[in-house]
Every structure is written in C-alpha cells, then in structure tokens.
All heavy atoms as atom14 arrays in JSON, in Angstrom:
{
  "sequence": "TPGDAAGIVDAAIDRWVWYSGWSDKIAQVHGGANPVAGPY",
  "atom14_mask": [
    [1, 1, 1, 1, 1, 1, 1, 0, 0, 0, 0, 0, 0, 0],
    [1, 1, 1, 1, 1, 1, 1, 0, 0, 0, 0, 0, 0, 0],
    [1, 1, 1, 1, 0, 0, 0, 0, 0, 0, 0, 0, 0, 0],
    [1, 1, 1, 1, 1, 1, 1, 1, 0, 0, 0, 0, 0, 0],
    [1, 1, 1, 1, 1, 0, 0, 0, 0, 0, 0, 0, 0, 0],
    [1, 1, 1, 1, 1, 0, 0, 0, 0, 0, 0, 0, 0, 0],
    [1, 1, 1, 1, 0, 0, 0, 0, 0, 0, 0, 0, 0, 0],
    [1, 1, 1, 1, 1, 1, 1, 1, 0, 0, 0, 0, 0, 0],
    [1, 1, 1, 1, 1, 1, 1, 0, 0, 0, 0, 0, 0, 0],
    [1, 1, 1, 1, 1, 1, 1, 1, 0, 0, 0, 0, 0, 0],
    [1, 1, 1, 1, 1, 0, 0, 0, 0, 0, 0, 0, 0, 0],
    [1, 1, 1, 1, 1, 0, 0, 0, 0, 0, 0, 0, 0, 0],
    [1, 1, 1, 1, 1, 1, 1, 1, 0, 0, 0, 0, 0, 0],
    [1, 1, 1, 1, 1, 1, 1, 1, 0, 0, 0, 0, 0, 0],
    [1, 1, 1, 1, 1, 1, 1, 1, 1, 1, 1, 0, 0, 0],
    [1, 1, 1, 1, 1, 1, 1, 1, 1, 1, 1, 1, 1, 1],
    [1, 1, 1, 1, 1, 1, 1, 0, 0, 0, 0, 0, 0, 0],
    [1, 1, 1, 1, 1, 1, 1, 1, 1, 1, 1, 1, 1, 1],
    [1, 1, 1, 1, 1, 1, 1, 1, 1, 1, 1, 1, 0, 0],
    [1, 1, 1, 1, 1, 1, 0, 0, 0, 0, 0, 0, 0, 0],
    [1, 1, 1, 1, 0, 0, 0, 0, 0, 0, 0, 0, 0, 0],
    [1, 1, 1, 1, 1, 1, 1, 1, 1, 1, 1, 1, 1, 1],
    [1, 1, 1, 1, 1, 1, 0, 0, 0, 0, 0, 0, 0, 0],
    [1, 1, 1, 1, 1, 1, 1, 1, 0, 0, 0, 0, 0, 0],
    [1, 1, 1, 1, 1, 1, 1, 1, 1, 0, 0, 0, 0, 0],
    [1, 1, 1, 1, 1, 1, 1, 1, 0, 0, 0, 0, 0, 0],
    [1, 1, 1, 1, 1, 0, 0, 0, 0, 0, 0, 0, 0, 0],
    [1, 1, 1, 1, 1, 1, 1, 1, 1, 0, 0, 0, 0, 0],
    [1, 1, 1, 1, 1, 1, 1, 0, 0, 0, 0, 0, 0, 0],
    [1, 1, 1, 1, 1, 1, 1, 1, 1, 1, 0, 0, 0, 0],
    [1, 1, 1, 1, 0, 0, 0, 0, 0, 0, 0, 0, 0, 0],
    [1, 1, 1, 1, 0, 0, 0, 0, 0, 0, 0, 0, 0, 0],
    [1, 1, 1, 1, 1, 0, 0, 0, 0, 0, 0, 0, 0, 0],
    [1, 1, 1, 1, 1, 1, 1, 1, 0, 0, 0, 0, 0, 0],
    [1, 1, 1, 1, 1, 1, 1, 0, 0, 0, 0, 0, 0, 0],
    [1, 1, 1, 1, 1, 1, 1, 0, 0, 0, 0, 0, 0, 0],
    [1, 1, 1, 1, 1, 0, 0, 0, 0, 0, 0, 0, 0, 0],
    [1, 1, 1, 1, 0, 0, 0, 0, 0, 0, 0, 0, 0, 0],
    [1, 1, 1, 1, 1, 1, 1, 0, 0, 0, 0, 0, 0, 0],
    [1, 1, 1, 1, 1, 1, 1, 1, 1, 1, 1, 1, 0, 0]
  ],
  "atom14_positions": [
    [[0.86, -1.19, 0.01], [0.02, 0.01, -0.02], [0.9, 1.26, 0.02], [2.06, 1.15, 0.44], [-0.91, 0.01, 1.25], [-0.1, 0.2, 2.39], [-1.74, -1.24, 1.36], [0.0, 0.0, 0.0], [0.0, 0.0, 0.0], [0.0, 0.0, 0.0], [0.0, 0.0, 0.0], [0.0, 0.0, 0.0], [0.0, 0.0, 0.0], [0.0, 0.0, 0.0]],
    [[0.38, 2.37, -0.45], [1.25, 3.58, -0.46], [1.72, 3.93, 0.93], [2.85, 4.41, 1.09], [0.23, 4.67, -1.01], [-0.66, 3.92, -1.87], [-0.87, 2.57, -1.22], [0.0, 0.0, 0.0], [0.0, 0.0, 0.0], [0.0, 0.0, 0.0], [0.0, 0.0, 0.0], [0.0, 0.0, 0.0], [0.0, 0.0, 0.0], [0.0, 0.0, 0.0]],
    [[0.87, 3.69, 1.95], [1.35, 4.0, 3.34], [2.51, 3.1, 3.78], [3.49, 3.6, 4.33], [0.0, 0.0, 0.0], [0.0, 0.0, 0.0], [0.0, 0.0, 0.0], [0.0, 0.0, 0.0], [0.0, 0.0, 0.0], [0.0, 0.0, 0.0], [0.0, 0.0, 0.0], [0.0, 0.0, 0.0], [0.0, 0.0, 0.0], [0.0, 0.0, 0.0]],
    [[2.45, 1.8, 3.48], [3.55, 0.88, 3.83], [4.83, 1.25, 3.03], [5.89, 1.18, 3.51], [3.13, -0.54, 3.59], [2.11, -1.05, 4.63], [1.96, -0.43, 5.67], [1.45, -2.06, 4.31], [0.0, 0.0, 0.0], [0.0, 0.0, 0.0], [0.0, 0.0, 0.0], [0.0, 0.0, 0.0], [0.0, 0.0, 0.0], [0.0, 0.0, 0.0]],
    [[4.58, 1.56, 1.73], [5.72, 1.86, 0.91], [6.4, 3.18, 1.38], [7.63, 3.32, 1.4], [5.33, 2.06, -0.54], [0.0, 0.0, 0.0], [0.0, 0.0, 0.0], [0.0, 0.0, 0.0], [0.0, 0.0, 0.0], [0.0, 0.0, 0.0], [0.0, 0.0, 0.0], [0.0, 0.0, 0.0], [0.0, 0.0, 0.0], [0.0, 0.0, 0.0]],
    [[5.57, 4.16, 1.87], [6.1, 5.4, 2.44], [6.99, 5.1, 3.66], [8.08, 5.75, 3.8], [5.01, 6.37, 2.78], [0.0, 0.0, 0.0], [0.0, 0.0, 0.0], [0.0, 0.0, 0.0], [0.0, 0.0, 0.0], [0.0, 0.0, 0.0], [0.0, 0.0, 0.0], [0.0, 0.0, 0.0], [0.0, 0.0, 0.0], [0.0, 0.0, 0.0]],
    [[6.55, 4.17, 4.47], [7.37, 3.77, 5.65], [8.72, 3.27, 5.24], [9.76, 3.57, 5.87], [0.0, 0.0, 0.0], [0.0, 0.0, 0.0], [0.0, 0.0, 0.0], [0.0, 0.0, 0.0], [0.0, 0.0, 0.0], [0.0, 0.0, 0.0], [0.0, 0.0, 0.0], [0.0, 0.0, 0.0], [0.0, 0.0, 0.0], [0.0, 0.0, 0.0]],
    [[8.83, 2.44, 4.19], [10.05, 1.86, 3.71], [10.95, 2.94, 3.11], [12.2, 2.99, 3.37], [9.77, 0.79, 2.67], [9.17, -0.44, 3.39], [11.03, 0.39, 1.91], [8.76, -1.57, 2.48], [0.0, 0.0, 0.0], [0.0, 0.0, 0.0], [0.0, 0.0, 0.0], [0.0, 0.0, 0.0], [0.0, 0.0, 0.0], [0.0, 0.0, 0.0]],
    [[10.38, 3.84, 2.31], [11.16, 4.91, 1.75], [11.73, 5.8, 2.85], [12.93, 6.21, 2.82], [10.31, 5.74, 0.76], [11.1, 6.98, 0.31], [9.89, 4.91, -0.43], [0.0, 0.0, 0.0], [0.0, 0.0, 0.0], [0.0, 0.0, 0.0], [0.0, 0.0, 0.0], [0.0, 0.0, 0.0], [0.0, 0.0, 0.0], [0.0, 0.0, 0.0]],
    [[10.95, 6.11, 3.9], [11.41, 6.94, 4.95], [12.61, 6.25, 5.69], [13.56, 6.86, 6.1], [10.32, 7.22, 5.92], [9.27, 8.22, 5.37], [9.58, 8.89, 4.36], [8.14, 8.27, 5.96], [0.0, 0.0, 0.0], [0.0, 0.0, 0.0], [0.0, 0.0, 0.0], [0.0, 0.0, 0.0], [0.0, 0.0, 0.0], [0.0, 0.0, 0.0]],
    [[12.48, 4.91, 5.86], [13.54, 4.16, 6.53], [14.84, 4.16, 5.66], [15.92, 4.24, 6.17], [13.07, 2.74, 6.72], [0.0, 0.0, 0.0], [0.0, 0.0, 0.0], [0.0, 0.0, 0.0], [0.0, 0.0, 0.0], [0.0, 0.0, 0.0], [0.0, 0.0, 0.0], [0.0, 0.0, 0.0], [0.0, 0.0, 0.0], [0.0, 0.0, 0.0]],
    [[14.66, 4.13, 4.33], [15.83, 4.15, 3.44], [16.54, 5.53, 3.53], [17.73, 5.58, 3.52], [15.41, 3.89, 2.01], [0.0, 0.0, 0.0], [0.0, 0.0, 0.0], [0.0, 0.0, 0.0], [0.0, 0.0, 0.0], [0.0, 0.0, 0.0], [0.0, 0.0, 0.0], [0.0, 0.0, 0.0], [0.0, 0.0, 0.0], [0.0, 0.0, 0.0]],
    [[15.75, 6.56, 3.56], [16.31, 7.93, 3.7], [17.09, 8.08, 5.04], [18.21, 8.53, 5.09], [15.26, 8.96, 3.59], [14.58, 8.97, 2.24], [15.8, 10.39, 3.93], [13.35, 9.78, 2.07], [0.0, 0.0, 0.0], [0.0, 0.0, 0.0], [0.0, 0.0, 0.0], [0.0, 0.0, 0.0], [0.0, 0.0, 0.0], [0.0, 0.0, 0.0]],
    [[16.41, 7.58, 6.11], [17.0, 7.64, 7.42], [18.32, 6.81, 7.48], [19.3, 7.19, 8.19], [16.08, 7.18, 8.52], [14.87, 8.09, 8.71], [14.9, 9.23, 8.17], [13.88, 7.62, 9.28], [0.0, 0.0, 0.0], [0.0, 0.0, 0.0], [0.0, 0.0, 0.0], [0.0, 0.0, 0.0], [0.0, 0.0, 0.0], [0.0, 0.0, 0.0]],
    [[18.35, 5.7, 6.72], [19.55, 4.89, 6.76], [20.74, 5.61, 6.1], [21.88, 5.46, 6.57], [19.29, 3.55, 6.05], [20.43, 2.61, 6.19], [19.9, 1.16, 6.48], [19.16, 1.07, 7.65], [18.43, 0.0, 8.02], [18.42, -1.0, 7.21], [17.76, 0.04, 9.13], [0.0, 0.0, 0.0], [0.0, 0.0, 0.0], [0.0, 0.0, 0.0]],
    [[20.51, 6.35, 5.07], [21.58, 7.15, 4.43], [22.12, 8.12, 5.45], [23.35, 8.32, 5.59], [21.09, 7.94, 3.23], [21.09, 7.21, 1.97], [20.01, 6.85, 1.23], [22.19, 6.7, 1.18], [20.35, 6.18, 0.09], [21.71, 6.09, 0.02], [23.57, 6.77, 1.36], [22.52, 5.54, -0.93], [24.42, 6.21, 0.46], [23.9, 5.62, -0.73]],
    [[21.22, 8.78, 6.22], [21.64, 9.72, 7.28], [22.48, 9.02, 8.33], [23.5, 9.52, 8.78], [20.43, 10.39, 7.94], [20.84, 11.34, 9.02], [19.68, 11.24, 6.81], [0.0, 0.0, 0.0], [0.0, 0.0, 0.0], [0.0, 0.0, 0.0], [0.0, 0.0, 0.0], [0.0, 0.0, 0.0], [0.0, 0.0, 0.0], [0.0, 0.0, 0.0]],
    [[22.03, 7.86, 8.76], [22.73, 7.06, 9.77], [24.16, 6.73, 9.33], [25.08, 6.97, 10.12], [21.9, 5.81, 10.08], [22.35, 5.03, 11.28], [22.09, 5.24, 12.62], [23.27, 3.9, 11.32], [22.7, 4.4, 13.44], [23.4, 3.5, 12.64], [23.9, 3.15, 10.31], [24.24, 2.41, 13.05], [24.64, 2.08, 10.67], [24.83, 1.68, 12.0]],
    [[24.28, 6.23, 8.15], [25.58, 5.86, 7.68], [26.45, 7.12, 7.42], [27.69, 7.07, 7.67], [25.53, 5.04, 6.42], [25.33, 3.54, 6.65], [24.13, 2.92, 6.29], [26.31, 2.83, 7.28], [23.97, 1.56, 6.55], [26.15, 1.46, 7.57], [24.93, 0.86, 7.16], [24.75, -0.49, 7.44], [0.0, 0.0, 0.0], [0.0, 0.0, 0.0]],
    [[25.85, 8.2, 7.02], [26.65, 9.43, 6.83], [27.33, 9.84, 8.14], [28.41, 10.4, 8.17], [25.77, 10.56, 6.25], [24.92, 11.05, 7.28], [0.0, 0.0, 0.0], [0.0, 0.0, 0.0], [0.0, 0.0, 0.0], [0.0, 0.0, 0.0], [0.0, 0.0, 0.0], [0.0, 0.0, 0.0], [0.0, 0.0, 0.0], [0.0, 0.0, 0.0]],
    [[26.64, 9.62, 9.24], [27.2, 9.96, 10.53], [28.38, 9.11, 10.96], [29.22, 9.53, 11.79], [0.0, 0.0, 0.0], [0.0, 0.0, 0.0], [0.0, 0.0, 0.0], [0.0, 0.0, 0.0], [0.0, 0.0, 0.0], [0.0, 0.0, 0.0], [0.0, 0.0, 0.0], [0.0, 0.0, 0.0], [0.0, 0.0, 0.0], [0.0, 0.0, 0.0]],
    [[28.52, 7.96, 10.36], [29.59, 7.02, 10.75], [30.91, 7.29, 9.95], [31.93, 6.76, 10.32], [29.16, 5.56, 10.53], [28.47, 4.98, 11.68], [27.15, 4.76, 11.85], [29.05, 4.57, 12.95], [26.85, 4.27, 13.06], [28.04, 4.1, 13.8], [30.38, 4.59, 13.44], [28.31, 3.61, 15.07], [30.63, 4.07, 14.71], [29.6, 3.64, 15.46]],
    [[30.83, 8.16, 8.97], [31.99, 8.34, 8.05], [33.23, 8.72, 8.8], [34.32, 8.22, 8.52], [31.65, 9.35, 6.96], [31.38, 10.62, 7.59], [0.0, 0.0, 0.0], [0.0, 0.0, 0.0], [0.0, 0.0, 0.0], [0.0, 0.0, 0.0], [0.0, 0.0, 0.0], [0.0, 0.0, 0.0], [0.0, 0.0, 0.0], [0.0, 0.0, 0.0]],
    [[33.13, 9.64, 9.75], [34.32, 10.13, 10.51], [34.38, 9.52, 11.9], [35.08, 10.1, 12.73], [34.33, 11.63, 10.52], [33.1, 12.27, 11.15], [32.18, 11.49, 11.54], [33.0, 13.49, 11.27], [0.0, 0.0, 0.0], [0.0, 0.0, 0.0], [0.0, 0.0, 0.0], [0.0, 0.0, 0.0], [0.0, 0.0, 0.0], [0.0, 0.0, 0.0]],
    [[33.65, 8.5, 12.13], [33.65, 7.85, 13.48], [34.15, 6.42, 13.5], [34.63, 5.95, 14.49], [32.29, 7.92, 14.13], [31.81, 9.37, 14.3], [30.37, 9.38, 14.82], [29.87, 10.83, 14.87], [29.74, 11.52, 13.59], [0.0, 0.0, 0.0], [0.0, 0.0, 0.0], [0.0, 0.0, 0.0], [0.0, 0.0, 0.0], [0.0, 0.0, 0.0]],
    [[34.03, 5.74, 12.36], [34.35, 4.34, 12.31], [35.85, 4.1, 12.6], [36.23, 3.12, 13.27], [33.97, 3.7, 10.96], [34.08, 2.21, 10.98], [34.79, 4.27, 9.79], [33.0, 1.55, 11.82], [0.0, 0.0, 0.0], [0.0, 0.0, 0.0], [0.0, 0.0, 0.0], [0.0, 0.0, 0.0], [0.0, 0.0, 0.0], [0.0, 0.0, 0.0]],
    [[36.7, 5.01, 12.15], [38.15, 4.84, 12.46], [38.45, 5.0, 13.92], [39.36, 4.4, 14.48], [38.97, 5.84, 11.66], [0.0, 0.0, 0.0], [0.0, 0.0, 0.0], [0.0, 0.0, 0.0], [0.0, 0.0, 0.0], [0.0, 0.0, 0.0], [0.0, 0.0, 0.0], [0.0, 0.0, 0.0], [0.0, 0.0, 0.0], [0.0, 0.0, 0.0]],
    [[37.63, 5.86, 14.61], [37.89, 6.05, 16.06], [37.4, 4.85, 16.85], [38.01, 4.47, 17.86], [37.07, 7.29, 16.5], [37.51, 8.55, 15.81], [36.62, 9.74, 16.19], [36.41, 10.04, 17.36], [36.02, 10.4, 15.16], [0.0, 0.0, 0.0], [0.0, 0.0, 0.0], [0.0, 0.0, 0.0], [0.0, 0.0, 0.0], [0.0, 0.0, 0.0]],
    [[36.31, 4.22, 16.36], [35.78, 3.07, 17.12], [36.59, 1.78, 16.85], [36.81, 0.96, 17.77], [34.3, 2.85, 16.69], [33.75, 1.55, 17.31], [33.47, 4.04, 17.13], [0.0, 0.0, 0.0], [0.0, 0.0, 0.0], [0.0, 0.0, 0.0], [0.0, 0.0, 0.0], [0.0, 0.0, 0.0], [0.0, 0.0, 0.0], [0.0, 0.0, 0.0]],
    [[37.1, 1.63, 15.61], [37.79, 0.4, 15.21], [39.22, 0.66, 14.79], [39.76, -0.06, 13.94], [37.02, -0.37, 14.17], [35.79, -1.05, 14.71], [35.82, -2.32, 15.3], [34.54, -0.6, 14.79], [34.63, -2.59, 15.74], [33.84, -1.6, 15.45], [0.0, 0.0, 0.0], [0.0, 0.0, 0.0], [0.0, 0.0, 0.0], [0.0, 0.0, 0.0]],
    [[39.87, 1.61, 15.39], [41.23, 1.92, 15.16], [41.82, 2.51, 16.42], [41.11, 2.74, 17.37], [0.0, 0.0, 0.0], [0.0, 0.0, 0.0], [0.0, 0.0, 0.0], [0.0, 0.0, 0.0], [0.0, 0.0, 0.0], [0.0, 0.0, 0.0], [0.0, 0.0, 0.0], [0.0, 0.0, 0.0], [0.0, 0.0, 0.0], [0.0, 0.0, 0.0]],
    [[43.13, 2.85, 16.41], [43.68, 3.51, 17.61], [45.09, 2.99, 17.9], [45.67, 2.2, 17.17], [0.0, 0.0, 0.0], [0.0, 0.0, 0.0], [0.0, 0.0, 0.0], [0.0, 0.0, 0.0], [0.0, 0.0, 0.0], [0.0, 0.0, 0.0], [0.0, 0.0, 0.0], [0.0, 0.0, 0.0], [0.0, 0.0, 0.0], [0.0, 0.0, 0.0]],
    [[45.58, 3.45, 19.03], [46.95, 3.01, 19.46], [46.84, 1.7, 20.18], [45.95, 1.44, 20.97], [47.49, 4.11, 20.34], [0.0, 0.0, 0.0], [0.0, 0.0, 0.0], [0.0, 0.0, 0.0], [0.0, 0.0, 0.0], [0.0, 0.0, 0.0], [0.0, 0.0, 0.0], [0.0, 0.0, 0.0], [0.0, 0.0, 0.0], [0.0, 0.0, 0.0]],
    [[47.82, 0.84, 19.91], [47.92, -0.48, 20.52], [49.06, -0.53, 21.54], [50.14, 0.03, 21.26], [48.17, -1.58, 19.47], [47.16, -1.5, 18.34], [45.95, -1.49, 18.56], [47.63, -1.49, 17.06], [0.0, 0.0, 0.0], [0.0, 0.0, 0.0], [0.0, 0.0, 0.0], [0.0, 0.0, 0.0], [0.0, 0.0, 0.0], [0.0, 0.0, 0.0]],
    [[48.85, -1.19, 22.67], [49.9, -1.23, 23.62], [50.97, -2.28, 23.24], [50.62, -3.45, 22.84], [49.17, -1.7, 24.96], [47.98, -2.45, 24.42], [47.58, -1.71, 23.17], [0.0, 0.0, 0.0], [0.0, 0.0, 0.0], [0.0, 0.0, 0.0], [0.0, 0.0, 0.0], [0.0, 0.0, 0.0], [0.0, 0.0, 0.0], [0.0, 0.0, 0.0]],
    [[52.24, -1.87, 23.23], [53.32, -2.75, 22.77], [54.44, -2.63, 23.8], [54.62, -1.62, 24.46], [53.83, -2.42, 21.37], [52.75, -2.68, 20.33], [54.27, -0.98, 21.27], [0.0, 0.0, 0.0], [0.0, 0.0, 0.0], [0.0, 0.0, 0.0], [0.0, 0.0, 0.0], [0.0, 0.0, 0.0], [0.0, 0.0, 0.0], [0.0, 0.0, 0.0]],
    [[55.25, -3.66, 23.81], [56.38, -3.73, 24.74], [57.65, -3.19, 23.96], [58.27, -3.94, 23.24], [56.67, -5.13, 25.3], [0.0, 0.0, 0.0], [0.0, 0.0, 0.0], [0.0, 0.0, 0.0], [0.0, 0.0, 0.0], [0.0, 0.0, 0.0], [0.0, 0.0, 0.0], [0.0, 0.0, 0.0], [0.0, 0.0, 0.0], [0.0, 0.0, 0.0]],
    [[57.93, -1.95, 24.12], [59.11, -1.38, 23.41], [58.88, 0.07, 23.11], [57.76, 0.59, 23.3], [0.0, 0.0, 0.0], [0.0, 0.0, 0.0], [0.0, 0.0, 0.0], [0.0, 0.0, 0.0], [0.0, 0.0, 0.0], [0.0, 0.0, 0.0], [0.0, 0.0, 0.0], [0.0, 0.0, 0.0], [0.0, 0.0, 0.0], [0.0, 0.0, 0.0]],
    [[59.94, 0.74, 22.69], [59.83, 2.23, 22.47], [59.22, 2.53, 21.1], [59.87, 3.05, 20.19], [61.3, 2.65, 22.52], [62.04, 1.43, 22.04], [61.3, 0.25, 22.54], [0.0, 0.0, 0.0], [0.0, 0.0, 0.0], [0.0, 0.0, 0.0], [0.0, 0.0, 0.0], [0.0, 0.0, 0.0], [0.0, 0.0, 0.0], [0.0, 0.0, 0.0]],
    [[57.97, 2.13, 20.94], [57.32, 2.31, 19.65], [55.92, 2.88, 19.82], [55.27, 2.58, 20.83], [57.2, 0.98, 18.81], [58.54, 0.26, 18.68], [58.86, -0.79, 19.52], [59.41, 0.68, 17.69], [60.05, -1.46, 19.3], [60.63, 0.06, 17.49], [60.97, -1.01, 18.33], [62.15, -1.72, 18.2], [0.0, 0.0, 0.0], [0.0, 0.0, 0.0]]
  ]
}
C-alpha cells in the first residue's frame, strides 16, 4: 500500500543519514593506538 511503501522509503532515507554519521567515526571506534612492549 502507499502507506507501507512510504514507511520503507522513509527508513531508506534515514539509513543514508545514519551511515553518513559514521563516516568520520568508524576509524575512532575500530582503530587507535595499541599497547606494545618497546619504544614504539
């Protein structure tokens, strides 16, 4: 139905927004300095 389809389209738009917010955060969450034994 048009109403159900509208809900899916809205979710697709929101998903683009959600991923756009991760662009400059994913490296902070899954990267960083590692503890090592030595002067490095």
